[in-house]
Amino acid sequence: MIAGSFKAWFVGTIVAVFSIGGAFMQSNLAGEESGASGRRQGQSGEAIAPESHPSLRGLDFPIVLTDVHGGFVGMSGYIWTIERDGSWNRQRYVIKPKSPADQQGRLSRGQLASLAGTLAANDFAALPDTIGKTAGANPHLITLAVGNKKSMLQLGAGKRLPPVDPNAGSRDPQNRFVSSVQAVLELVAAKNGGPIPK
């Protein structure tokens, strides 16, 4: 009787231990899966769309910088395009953009935020549509478009993009335009092997 009772008690105890252990393991696995799911959601959440990131709000796309010179064949030069996801490319421009792109890359969220800050500081949205005097024959035209807002600097034949003029003041339209163009070029041209407009 005692031996039988002890055997029954021992078997019952073993079963209970394994049952508790199994439940504990299932609980741990569920917790790990939940944590992994949370981490995955967090990781996917890090890929924030530019327009939803506080420092990028108000930055419209695409951003298009066109640098062309007049000549015998018409307008020719380069056109850079930055898309919403930060991808950018450069195409030759001969009367119209030529495919395929001869340069391309991708800007980080930090680079886009830096560009957004410069455009905001320059109040790009309030710039005149055209800056500078009528350039005459074979002009050098530099146009920056941010979403639907476009502004163009007219320069004479052979003239380069001028530097920011410290004597004109930070609110001068040409200074604001030049500063905005330089910010784009620093990201997609100068640091990536492309030419700065001449």
C-alpha atoms as a PDB file:
ATOM      1  CA  MET A   1       0.000   0.000   0.000  1.00  0.00           C
ATOM      2  CA  ILE A   2       2.701   2.468   1.018  1.00  0.00           C
ATOM      3  CA  ALA A   3       4.817   1.525  -2.017  1.00  0.00           C
ATOM      4  CA  GLY A   4       1.814   1.923  -4.322  1.00  0.00           C
ATOM      5  CA  SER A   5       0.879   5.300  -2.782  1.00  0.00           C
ATOM      6  CA  PHE A   6       4.471   6.530  -3.042  1.00  0.00           C
ATOM      7  CA  LYS A   7       4.625   5.438  -6.692  1.00  0.00           C
ATOM      8  CA  ALA A   8       1.381   7.234  -7.494  1.00  0.00           C
ATOM      9  CA  TRP A   9       2.562  10.366  -5.668  1.00  0.00           C
ATOM     10  CA  PHE A  10       5.954  10.292  -7.486  1.00  0.00           C
ATOM     11  CA  VAL A  11       4.386   9.915 -10.945  1.00  0.00           C
ATOM     12  CA  GLY A  12       1.897  12.685 -10.200  1.00  0.00           C
ATOM     13  CA  THR A  13       4.655  15.007  -9.070  1.00  0.00           C
ATOM     14  CA  ILE A  14       6.709  14.377 -12.237  1.00  0.00           C
ATOM     15  CA  VAL A  15       3.685  15.047 -14.449  1.00  0.00           C
ATOM     16  CA  ALA A  16       2.937  18.284 -12.612  1.00  0.00           C
ATOM     17  CA  VAL A  17       6.533  19.457 -12.907  1.00  0.00           C
ATOM     18  CA  PHE A  18       6.582  18.834 -16.648  1.00  0.00           C
ATOM     19  CA  SER A  19       3.205  20.528 -17.053  1.00  0.00           C
ATOM     20  CA  ILE A  20       4.393  23.636 -15.218  1.00  0.00           C
ATOM     21  CA  GLY A  21       7.664  23.625 -17.157  1.00  0.00           C
ATOM     22  CA  GLY A  22       5.813  23.338 -20.472  1.00  0.00           C
ATOM     23  CA  ALA A  23       3.505  26.197 -19.581  1.00  0.00           C
ATOM     24  CA  PHE A  24       6.503  28.319 -18.523  1.00  0.00           C
ATOM     25  CA  MET A  25       8.301  27.594 -21.815  1.00  0.00           C
ATOM     26  CA  GLN A  26       5.198  28.461 -23.831  1.00  0.00           C
ATOM     27  CA  SER A  27       4.845  31.691 -21.873  1.00  0.00           C
ATOM     28  CA  ASN A  28       8.488  32.576 -22.550  1.00  0.00           C
ATOM     29  CA  LEU A  29       8.146  31.780 -26.246  1.00  0.00           C
ATOM     30  CA  ALA A  30       5.025  33.902 -26.487  1.00  0.00           C
ATOM     31  CA  GLY A  31       6.840  36.733 -24.759  1.00  0.00           C
ATOM     32  CA  GLU A  32       9.817  36.430 -27.093  1.00  0.00           C
ATOM     33  CA  GLU A  33       7.558  36.413 -30.153  1.00  0.00           C
ATOM     34  CA  SER A  34       5.696  39.425 -28.833  1.00  0.00           C
ATOM     35  CA  GLY A  35       8.977  41.215 -28.181  1.00  0.00           C
ATOM     36  CA  ALA A  36      10.281  40.279 -31.612  1.00  0.00           C
ATOM     37  CA  SER A  37       7.077  41.531 -33.165  1.00  0.00           C
ATOM     38  CA  GLY A  38       7.450  44.780 -31.283  1.00  0.00           C
ATOM     39  CA  ARG A  39      11.059  45.065 -32.397  1.00  0.00           C
ATOM     40  CA  ARG A  40      10.049  44.393 -35.996  1.00  0.00           C
ATOM     41  CA  GLN A  41       7.362  47.044 -35.771  1.00  0.00           C
ATOM     42  CA  GLY A  42       9.879  49.422 -34.256  1.00  0.00           C
ATOM     43  CA  GLN A  43      12.368  48.706 -37.015  1.00  0.00           C
ATOM     44  CA  SER A  44       9.792  49.220 -39.719  1.00  0.00           C
ATOM     45  CA  GLY A  45       8.674  52.345 -37.920  1.00  0.00           C
ATOM     46  CA  GLU A  46      12.188  53.762 -38.265  1.00  0.00           C
ATOM     47  CA  ALA A  47      11.697  53.981 -42.032  1.00  0.00           C
ATOM     48  CA  ILE A  48       9.664  57.126 -41.590  1.00  0.00           C
ATOM     49  CA  ALA A  49       8.368  58.719 -44.757  1.00  0.00           C
ATOM     50  CA  PRO A  50      10.010  62.119 -45.307  1.00  0.00           C
ATOM     51  CA  GLU A  51       6.749  64.051 -45.074  1.00  0.00           C
ATOM     52  CA  SER A  52       5.900  62.460 -41.698  1.00  0.00           C
ATOM     53  CA  HIS A  53       9.238  63.316 -40.088  1.00  0.00           C
ATOM     54  CA  PRO A  54       9.069  66.612 -38.126  1.00  0.00           C
ATOM     55  CA  SER A  55      12.237  68.032 -39.671  1.00  0.00           C
ATOM     56  CA  LEU A  56      11.047  67.238 -43.211  1.00  0.00           C
ATOM     57  CA  ARG A  57       7.514  68.571 -43.085  1.00  0.00           C
ATOM     58  CA  GLY A  58       6.935  71.201 -45.715  1.00  0.00           C
ATOM     59  CA  LEU A  59       9.585  69.708 -48.026  1.00  0.00           C
ATOM     60  CA  ASP A  60       7.822  68.958 -51.304  1.00  0.00           C
ATOM     61  CA  PHE A  61       8.984  66.535 -53.972  1.00  0.00           C
ATOM     62  CA  PRO A  62      10.371  66.042 -56.475  1.00  0.00           C
ATOM     63  CA  ILE A  63      13.216  68.521 -56.076  1.00  0.00           C
ATOM     64  CA  VAL A  64      14.613  69.320 -59.522  1.00  0.00           C
ATOM     65  CA  LEU A  65      17.710  71.387 -60.262  1.00  0.00           C
ATOM     66  CA  THR A  66      18.253  72.270 -63.912  1.00  0.00           C
ATOM     67  CA  ASP A  67      21.465  73.933 -65.105  1.00  0.00           C
ATOM     68  CA  VAL A  68      21.508  74.727 -68.818  1.00  0.00           C
ATOM     69  CA  HIS A  69      23.324  77.013 -71.265  1.00  0.00           C
ATOM     70  CA  GLY A  70      22.003  78.308 -74.542  1.00  0.00           C
ATOM     71  CA  GLY A  71      23.922  77.376 -77.660  1.00  0.00           C
ATOM     72  CA  PHE A  72      23.777  76.289 -81.292  1.00  0.00           C
ATOM     73  CA  VAL A  73      21.765  73.146 -80.476  1.00  0.00           C
ATOM     74  CA  GLY A  74      19.486  74.911 -78.012  1.00  0.00           C
ATOM     75  CA  MET A  75      19.603  74.547 -74.235  1.00  0.00           C
ATOM     76  CA  SER A  76      22.005  71.919 -72.884  1.00  0.00           C
ATOM     77  CA  GLY A  77      23.468  70.986 -69.526  1.00  0.00           C
ATOM     78  CA  TYR A  78      22.400  68.808 -66.600  1.00  0.00           C
ATOM     79  CA  ILE A  79      19.290  68.099 -64.573  1.00  0.00           C
ATOM     80  CA  TRP A  80      19.307  66.607 -61.068  1.00  0.00           C
ATOM     81  CA  THR A  81      16.186  65.063 -59.536  1.00  0.00           C
ATOM     82  CA  ILE A  82      15.670  64.131 -55.870  1.00  0.00           C
ATOM     83  CA  GLU A  83      12.687  61.904 -55.130  1.00  0.00           C
ATOM     84  CA  ARG A  84      10.628  61.561 -51.967  1.00  0.00           C
ATOM     85  CA  ASP A  85      12.543  58.477 -50.765  1.00  0.00           C
ATOM     86  CA  GLY A  86      15.889  60.301 -51.049  1.00  0.00           C
ATOM     87  CA  SER A  87      16.944  58.647 -54.295  1.00  0.00           C
ATOM     88  CA  TRP A  88      18.502  61.044 -56.807  1.00  0.00           C
ATOM     89  CA  ASN A  89      19.854  60.959 -60.315  1.00  0.00           C
ATOM     90  CA  ARG A  90      21.562  63.221 -62.818  1.00  0.00           C
ATOM     91  CA  GLN A  91      20.724  63.294 -66.506  1.00  0.00           C
ATOM     92  CA  ARG A  92      22.265  65.077 -69.434  1.00  0.00           C
ATOM     93  CA  TYR A  93      19.990  67.774 -70.800  1.00  0.00           C
ATOM     94  CA  VAL A  94      19.987  68.558 -74.513  1.00  0.00           C
ATOM     95  CA  ILE A  95      16.736  70.361 -75.314  1.00  0.00           C
ATOM     96  CA  LYS A  96      15.153  67.804 -72.946  1.00  0.00           C
ATOM     97  CA  PRO A  97      16.386  65.308 -70.301  1.00  0.00           C
ATOM     98  CA  LYS A  98      18.257  62.355 -71.766  1.00  0.00           C
ATOM     99  CA  SER A  99      17.986  58.813 -70.401  1.00  0.00           C
ATOM    100  CA  PRO A 100      19.510  56.873 -68.803  1.00  0.00           C
ATOM    101  CA  ALA A 101      20.849  58.812 -65.833  1.00  0.00           C
ATOM    102  CA  ASP A 102      24.632  59.056 -65.752  1.00  0.00           C
ATOM    103  CA  GLN A 103      24.817  59.457 -61.966  1.00  0.00           C
ATOM    104  CA  GLN A 104      22.592  58.316 -59.145  1.00  0.00           C
ATOM    105  CA  GLY A 105      22.541  57.781 -55.394  1.00  0.00           C
ATOM    106  CA  ARG A 106      20.412  58.021 -52.299  1.00  0.00           C
ATOM    107  CA  LEU A 107      20.320  60.709 -49.625  1.00  0.00           C
ATOM    108  CA  SER A 108      19.855  59.864 -45.981  1.00  0.00           C
ATOM    109  CA  ARG A 109      17.008  61.209 -43.882  1.00  0.00           C
ATOM    110  CA  GLY A 110      19.557  63.458 -42.169  1.00  0.00           C
ATOM    111  CA  GLN A 111      20.684  64.893 -45.508  1.00  0.00           C
ATOM    112  CA  LEU A 112      17.086  65.532 -46.539  1.00  0.00           C
ATOM    113  CA  ALA A 113      16.467  67.209 -43.173  1.00  0.00           C
ATOM    114  CA  SER A 114      19.508  69.430 -43.699  1.00  0.00           C
ATOM    115  CA  LEU A 115      18.238  70.415 -47.141  1.00  0.00           C
ATOM    116  CA  ALA A 116      14.757  71.094 -45.742  1.00  0.00           C
ATOM    117  CA  GLY A 117      16.289  73.363 -43.108  1.00  0.00           C
ATOM    118  CA  THR A 118      18.237  75.363 -45.689  1.00  0.00           C
ATOM    119  CA  LEU A 119      15.217  75.799 -47.959  1.00  0.00           C
ATOM    120  CA  ALA A 120      13.098  76.905 -45.012  1.00  0.00           C
ATOM    121  CA  ALA A 121      15.765  79.348 -43.791  1.00  0.00           C
ATOM    122  CA  ASN A 122      15.946  80.815 -47.297  1.00  0.00           C
ATOM    123  CA  ASP A 123      12.129  81.022 -47.472  1.00  0.00           C
ATOM    124  CA  PHE A 124      12.393  79.365 -50.861  1.00  0.00           C
ATOM    125  CA  ALA A 125       8.610  79.238 -51.274  1.00  0.00           C
ATOM    126  CA  ALA A 126       8.510  83.052 -51.334  1.00  0.00           C
ATOM    127  CA  LEU A 127      11.249  83.556 -53.943  1.00  0.00           C
ATOM    128  CA  PRO A 128      10.317  85.278 -57.216  1.00  0.00           C
ATOM    129  CA  ASP A 129       9.729  83.002 -60.193  1.00  0.00           C
ATOM    130  CA  THR A 130      12.548  84.755 -62.065  1.00  0.00           C
ATOM    131  CA  ILE A 131      15.664  86.411 -60.633  1.00  0.00           C
ATOM    132  CA  GLY A 132      18.109  88.500 -62.618  1.00  0.00           C
ATOM    133  CA  LYS A 133      17.826  90.497 -65.808  1.00  0.00           C
ATOM    134  CA  THR A 134      17.019  89.070 -69.206  1.00  0.00           C
ATOM    135  CA  ALA A 135      20.237  87.308 -70.135  1.00  0.00           C
ATOM    136  CA  GLY A 136      20.231  87.862 -73.907  1.00  0.00           C
ATOM    137  CA  ALA A 137      21.720  85.366 -76.377  1.00  0.00           C
ATOM    138  CA  ASN A 138      22.945  81.992 -75.126  1.00  0.00           C
ATOM    139  CA  PRO A 139      21.933  82.553 -71.499  1.00  0.00           C
ATOM    140  CA  HIS A 140      22.944  80.429 -68.524  1.00  0.00           C
ATOM    141  CA  LEU A 141      19.728  79.477 -66.737  1.00  0.00           C
ATOM    142  CA  ILE A 142      19.635  77.742 -63.364  1.00  0.00           C
ATOM    143  CA  THR A 143      16.210  76.598 -62.193  1.00  0.00           C
ATOM    144  CA  LEU A 144      15.334  75.016 -58.851  1.00  0.00           C
ATOM    145  CA  ALA A 145      11.913  73.453 -58.406  1.00  0.00           C
ATOM    146  CA  VAL A 146      10.693  72.157 -55.041  1.00  0.00           C
ATOM    147  CA  GLY A 147       7.390  70.442 -55.631  1.00  0.00           C
ATOM    148  CA  ASN A 148       5.252  72.941 -57.531  1.00  0.00           C
ATOM    149  CA  LYS A 149       7.369  75.948 -56.534  1.00  0.00           C
ATOM    150  CA  LYS A 150       9.947  76.968 -59.143  1.00  0.00           C
ATOM    151  CA  SER A 151      12.475  79.780 -59.227  1.00  0.00           C
ATOM    152  CA  MET A 152      14.991  80.569 -61.972  1.00  0.00           C
ATOM    153  CA  LEU A 153      18.194  82.609 -61.968  1.00  0.00           C
ATOM    154  CA  GLN A 154      19.036  84.221 -65.306  1.00  0.00           C
ATOM    155  CA  LEU A 155      22.728  84.725 -66.052  1.00  0.00           C
ATOM    156  CA  GLY A 156      24.574  85.977 -69.106  1.00  0.00           C
ATOM    157  CA  ALA A 157      26.405  83.729 -71.537  1.00  0.00           C
ATOM    158  CA  GLY A 158      29.411  82.096 -69.899  1.00  0.00           C
ATOM    159  CA  LYS A 159      28.512  83.369 -66.417  1.00  0.00           C
ATOM    160  CA  ARG A 160      28.919  81.006 -63.478  1.00  0.00           C
ATOM    161  CA  LEU A 161      26.663  80.488 -60.490  1.00  0.00           C
ATOM    162  CA  PRO A 162      27.674  83.445 -58.326  1.00  0.00           C
ATOM    163  CA  PRO A 163      28.634  83.052 -54.672  1.00  0.00           C
ATOM    164  CA  VAL A 164      26.438  84.383 -51.904  1.00  0.00           C
ATOM    165  CA  ASP A 165      27.048  88.130 -51.697  1.00  0.00           C
ATOM    166  CA  PRO A 166      27.606  89.095 -48.036  1.00  0.00           C
ATOM    167  CA  ASN A 167      26.940  92.743 -48.852  1.00  0.00           C
ATOM    168  CA  ALA A 168      23.468  92.053 -50.251  1.00  0.00           C
ATOM    169  CA  GLY A 169      22.060  90.610 -47.034  1.00  0.00           C
ATOM    170  CA  SER A 170      20.504  87.267 -46.175  1.00  0.00           C
ATOM    171  CA  ARG A 171      17.063  88.307 -47.440  1.00  0.00           C
ATOM    172  CA  ASP A 172      18.271  89.200 -50.911  1.00  0.00           C
ATOM    173  CA  PRO A 173      16.389  86.953 -53.400  1.00  0.00           C
ATOM    174  CA  GLN A 174      19.513  86.047 -55.360  1.00  0.00           C
ATOM    175  CA  ASN A 175      21.420  85.175 -52.186  1.00  0.00           C
ATOM    176  CA  ARG A 176      18.552  82.975 -51.005  1.00  0.00           C
ATOM    177  CA  PHE A 177      18.352  81.262 -54.391  1.00  0.00           C
ATOM    178  CA  VAL A 178      22.111  80.695 -54.616  1.00  0.00           C
ATOM    179  CA  SER A 179      22.234  79.318 -51.063  1.00  0.00           C
ATOM    180  CA  SER A 180      19.411  76.884 -51.884  1.00  0.00           C
ATOM    181  CA  VAL A 181      21.119  75.702 -55.086  1.00  0.00           C
ATOM    182  CA  GLN A 182      24.434  75.265 -53.270  1.00  0.00           C
ATOM    183  CA  ALA A 183      22.699  73.105 -50.649  1.00  0.00           C
ATOM    184  CA  VAL A 184      21.391  70.776 -53.374  1.00  0.00           C
ATOM    185  CA  LEU A 185      24.741  70.639 -55.158  1.00  0.00           C
ATOM    186  CA  GLU A 186      26.603  69.789 -51.968  1.00  0.00           C
ATOM    187  CA  LEU A 187      24.428  66.682 -51.684  1.00  0.00           C
ATOM    188  CA  VAL A 188      24.115  65.440 -55.261  1.00  0.00           C
ATOM    189  CA  ALA A 189      27.039  66.906 -57.166  1.00  0.00           C
ATOM    190  CA  ALA A 190      30.132  68.074 -55.319  1.00  0.00           C
ATOM    191  CA  LYS A 191      30.233  65.091 -52.928  1.00  0.00           C
ATOM    192  CA  ASN A 192      29.324  62.557 -55.587  1.00  0.00           C
ATOM    193  CA  GLY A 193      31.693  63.376 -58.421  1.00  0.00           C
ATOM    194  CA  GLY A 194      29.373  65.591 -60.419  1.00  0.00           C
ATOM    195  CA  PRO A 195      30.236  69.016 -61.727  1.00  0.00           C
ATOM    196  CA  ILE A 196      29.166  72.243 -60.089  1.00  0.00           C
ATOM    197  CA  PRO A 197      27.354  74.403 -62.689  1.00  0.00           C
ATOM    198  CA  LYS A 198      29.724  76.671 -64.596  1.00  0.00           C
END
